[in-house]
């Protein structure tokens, strides 16, 4: 079977010169209404007991971990030139050298990151992702993540995110109050322990595992570790009490039995959450690093060696030539053009997403804007490909 996968993928890589077109991977959530800004027909957002389509995962080899889901939800498919498809996760397993490059494949398992667009009609509930130690106890992965708020789309009704805790809200002083909220599970007053930050288009944040957060309603391009592990800390959101199983979903059974809700206090990185310079130390505005006539490239998703993201902006009529260190996927956010001769168009699912395999990524790639507005291309990389990606400057008390 793997031999068949490899043969088909090898033929496709050869025929497309390593530029693989990807179908959109839609993901539903049942605990929030959709923002309806993902380009679907209005009727397509409602998927019954599964909830609503609220996310699109990009070049994903990660299955969505929903209480009610469908087979292979969250996994991306490669759309072959003959119209058939290949599961991207299976392709990475069958032919890692073709996609990742042999050297990278020898030390890394798959693409190693999860990228998505999320689009909610209400603020996401206050929640946390397990730090590495706690994640391992449950057989899961940690989940550092970075956000970028793209331009040209409504910010929604709540364009503010709660991040971290008040500087005074350490475990001794705030822990008992947070624990009481988790045990009572009947409201949203856990947000009293946090602070909200206004979201600005073309801005972003880096949020490591162990930091509490409640992202606002701005459409967000998110890049993170390959994981869907989390724990909800907020019971009431958008007028609905969330199933409390979403608090315990990724707590190991021993901790849940022995500690109950108190087990979640061990997930909290109290020092990072109460950093008085949280804004300065976690905000990630675009950082331009390359400019040519007609084109500018900036870091937009950064803060860790575990993943990185760039934004390329090309003026109408111009062409840019770029070379990267390894495999990456790209999303055309705005405009139309050609990438290595392949036609692309932003805002058209199925025509806006490509995977650039290692061999093609490391050779000069031509990106041309054939439209009448700026062509905006977001590039998404996995761990250790861009070891020189920036980190937010650290401000100390």
Foldseek 3Di string as FASTA:
>chain_A
DLVVLQVVVVVQCVVLVQKWFKFKQWAADAPFAFQPPLLDDPVQQQDPPSHGGFKIKFCDPAAADYPDDDPRRRWMWTQGPVRDTDTSNSSCVSCVCFFWNPVRVVPDRPQFKIKMKGAGQWWAFWKFFFDAVQLVLLPFHTKWKKKAQAPDDDCHDWQKKWKFFALVCFCVNPVVVLLVLLVVQDFFCNCVGTDIDGHDHQKMWIGGGQMIMTHGRGTIIMMIGRGNGMAGSGQDTPRHGDDNCSRVVRGRPVCCVPPNSSSVVVRHPRCQRNAPVVVQQIMFHWAWDDDDVFKTKTWHIDADLFKTKMKMKGAAFDKDKDAFQFKKKKFWQAAWWAKQNQTAHHSDRSRGIIIRGGVRRRDIIMTHGNGHGITMMMIIHGHNRCPPTDHRDDDHD
